Amino acid sequence: MKKSYPRYTLRIAENLHEKLKYTANYNGRSKNKEIEIAIKRYLQDFERLHGEIETKYETDF
């Protein structure tokens, strides 16, 4: 059974959207997956510097 994820609308500048499309294509991923990976990397870096962020959900990275 597939997981259900919350939806989130993201508004970004056109030039960022074009660059995102380029990097996603280069990496063989969807734009959504490219954003997810970028967010995970950002959060890992943040937690490395500031400690783990507690949530009610299990971390999947």
N, C-alpha and C. Protein backbone atom coordinates (compact mmCIF):
# COMPACT_ATOMS: atom_id res chain seq x y z
N MET A 1 0.83 -1.18 0.00
CA MET A 1 0.00 0.00 0.00
C MET A 1 0.88 1.25 0.00
N LYS A 2 0.54 2.19 -0.84
CA LYS A 2 1.31 3.41 -0.98
C LYS A 2 1.02 4.37 0.16
N LYS A 3 2.07 5.04 0.66
CA LYS A 3 1.91 6.03 1.73
C LYS A 3 1.14 7.25 1.22
N SER A 4 0.40 7.86 2.09
CA SER A 4 -0.29 9.10 1.77
C SER A 4 0.51 10.26 2.34
N TYR A 5 0.91 11.18 1.50
CA TYR A 5 1.70 12.32 1.93
C TYR A 5 0.86 13.58 1.89
N PRO A 6 1.11 14.51 2.81
CA PRO A 6 0.38 15.78 2.74
C PRO A 6 0.79 16.55 1.49
N ARG A 7 -0.14 17.30 0.94
CA ARG A 7 0.14 18.12 -0.24
C ARG A 7 0.56 19.52 0.19
N TYR A 8 1.44 20.12 -0.60
CA TYR A 8 1.91 21.46 -0.31
C TYR A 8 2.16 22.17 -1.63
N THR A 9 1.55 23.33 -1.80
CA THR A 9 1.75 24.12 -3.01
C THR A 9 2.97 25.01 -2.80
N LEU A 10 3.88 24.99 -3.76
CA LEU A 10 5.10 25.78 -3.67
C LEU A 10 5.11 26.81 -4.79
N ARG A 11 5.29 28.04 -4.42
CA ARG A 11 5.41 29.12 -5.41
C ARG A 11 6.86 29.58 -5.42
N ILE A 12 7.48 29.49 -6.59
CA ILE A 12 8.88 29.92 -6.72
C ILE A 12 9.04 30.72 -8.00
N ALA A 13 10.11 31.49 -8.05
CA ALA A 13 10.41 32.30 -9.22
C ALA A 13 10.64 31.40 -10.44
N GLU A 14 10.32 31.93 -11.61
CA GLU A 14 10.43 31.15 -12.84
C GLU A 14 11.85 30.65 -13.09
N ASN A 15 12.86 31.48 -12.77
CA ASN A 15 14.23 31.04 -13.02
C ASN A 15 14.61 29.87 -12.10
N LEU A 16 14.10 29.87 -10.85
CA LEU A 16 14.36 28.74 -9.95
C LEU A 16 13.64 27.49 -10.45
N HIS A 17 12.45 27.67 -10.98
CA HIS A 17 11.69 26.54 -11.52
C HIS A 17 12.43 25.92 -12.70
N GLU A 18 12.96 26.75 -13.58
CA GLU A 18 13.72 26.23 -14.73
C GLU A 18 14.97 25.49 -14.28
N LYS A 19 15.67 26.03 -13.28
CA LYS A 19 16.88 25.37 -12.78
C LYS A 19 16.53 24.07 -12.08
N LEU A 20 15.42 24.05 -11.36
CA LEU A 20 14.95 22.83 -10.72
C LEU A 20 14.62 21.76 -11.77
N LYS A 21 13.95 22.17 -12.82
CA LYS A 21 13.61 21.25 -13.90
C LYS A 21 14.89 20.67 -14.53
N TYR A 22 15.89 21.52 -14.72
CA TYR A 22 17.16 21.07 -15.29
C TYR A 22 17.85 20.06 -14.38
N THR A 23 17.97 20.38 -13.07
CA THR A 23 18.68 19.47 -12.17
C THR A 23 17.93 18.16 -11.98
N ALA A 24 16.60 18.24 -11.94
CA ALA A 24 15.81 17.01 -11.81
C ALA A 24 16.02 16.12 -13.02
N ASN A 25 15.98 16.70 -14.21
CA ASN A 25 16.20 15.94 -15.43
C ASN A 25 17.62 15.35 -15.45
N TYR A 26 18.59 16.15 -15.07
CA TYR A 26 19.98 15.70 -15.04
C TYR A 26 20.15 14.50 -14.10
N ASN A 27 19.47 14.52 -12.98
CA ASN A 27 19.57 13.45 -11.99
C ASN A 27 18.57 12.31 -12.21
N GLY A 28 17.75 12.44 -13.25
CA GLY A 28 16.79 11.38 -13.57
C GLY A 28 15.66 11.27 -12.55
N ARG A 29 15.25 12.42 -12.01
CA ARG A 29 14.20 12.43 -11.00
C ARG A 29 13.09 13.38 -11.42
N SER A 30 11.94 13.24 -10.75
CA SER A 30 10.87 14.22 -10.92
C SER A 30 11.26 15.49 -10.17
N LYS A 31 10.60 16.59 -10.51
CA LYS A 31 10.86 17.83 -9.78
C LYS A 31 10.48 17.67 -8.31
N ASN A 32 9.41 16.97 -8.06
CA ASN A 32 8.98 16.74 -6.67
C ASN A 32 10.05 16.00 -5.88
N LYS A 33 10.60 14.94 -6.45
CA LYS A 33 11.63 14.16 -5.76
C LYS A 33 12.90 14.99 -5.59
N GLU A 34 13.22 15.82 -6.57
CA GLU A 34 14.39 16.69 -6.48
C GLU A 34 14.24 17.67 -5.31
N ILE A 35 13.05 18.23 -5.14
CA ILE A 35 12.77 19.14 -4.02
C ILE A 35 12.87 18.38 -2.70
N GLU A 36 12.29 17.18 -2.66
CA GLU A 36 12.33 16.37 -1.43
C GLU A 36 13.76 16.09 -1.00
N ILE A 37 14.61 15.71 -1.94
CA ILE A 37 16.01 15.42 -1.63
C ILE A 37 16.73 16.67 -1.15
N ALA A 38 16.47 17.82 -1.80
CA ALA A 38 17.10 19.08 -1.38
C ALA A 38 16.68 19.44 0.04
N ILE A 39 15.41 19.25 0.36
CA ILE A 39 14.92 19.55 1.71
C ILE A 39 15.56 18.61 2.73
N LYS A 40 15.65 17.33 2.41
CA LYS A 40 16.28 16.37 3.32
C LYS A 40 17.73 16.75 3.60
N ARG A 41 18.46 17.13 2.57
CA ARG A 41 19.86 17.53 2.75
C ARG A 41 19.96 18.77 3.63
N TYR A 42 19.08 19.73 3.39
CA TYR A 42 19.07 20.95 4.20
C TYR A 42 18.80 20.62 5.67
N LEU A 43 17.80 19.77 5.91
CA LEU A 43 17.46 19.42 7.29
C LEU A 43 18.56 18.61 7.97
N GLN A 44 19.22 17.72 7.23
CA GLN A 44 20.34 16.97 7.81
C GLN A 44 21.45 17.92 8.23
N ASP A 45 21.76 18.90 7.38
CA ASP A 45 22.79 19.89 7.72
C ASP A 45 22.38 20.71 8.94
N PHE A 46 21.12 21.14 8.97
CA PHE A 46 20.62 21.92 10.09
C PHE A 46 20.72 21.12 11.39
N GLU A 47 20.27 19.87 11.35
CA GLU A 47 20.31 19.04 12.56
C GLU A 47 21.73 18.71 12.99
N ARG A 48 22.63 18.60 12.05
CA ARG A 48 24.02 18.35 12.40
C ARG A 48 24.59 19.53 13.20
N LEU A 49 24.18 20.73 12.85
CA LEU A 49 24.66 21.93 13.53
C LEU A 49 23.89 22.24 14.82
N HIS A 50 22.58 21.96 14.83
CA HIS A 50 21.73 22.43 15.92
C HIS A 50 21.05 21.33 16.72
N GLY A 51 21.27 20.09 16.37
CA GLY A 51 20.63 18.99 17.06
C GLY A 51 19.36 18.54 16.36
N GLU A 52 18.93 17.35 16.72
CA GLU A 52 17.77 16.74 16.07
C GLU A 52 16.49 17.50 16.37
N ILE A 53 15.66 17.63 15.37
CA ILE A 53 14.35 18.26 15.50
C ILE A 53 13.36 17.16 15.83
N GLU A 54 12.70 17.29 16.98
CA GLU A 54 11.73 16.28 17.41
C GLU A 54 10.41 16.47 16.67
N THR A 55 9.86 15.37 16.14
CA THR A 55 8.53 15.38 15.53
C THR A 55 7.76 14.17 16.04
N LYS A 56 6.47 14.15 15.76
CA LYS A 56 5.67 13.00 16.16
C LYS A 56 5.77 11.87 15.13
N TYR A 57 6.51 12.10 14.05
CA TYR A 57 6.67 11.11 13.00
C TYR A 57 8.10 10.56 13.00
N GLU A 58 8.24 9.35 12.53
CA GLU A 58 9.56 8.72 12.43
C GLU A 58 10.33 9.38 11.28
N THR A 59 11.59 9.68 11.50
CA THR A 59 12.43 10.25 10.44
C THR A 59 12.71 9.21 9.38
N ASP A 60 12.56 9.60 8.12
CA ASP A 60 12.79 8.66 7.03
C ASP A 60 14.08 8.95 6.27
N PHE A 61 15.01 9.67 6.90
CA PHE A 61 16.33 9.88 6.28
C PHE A 61 17.41 9.78 7.29
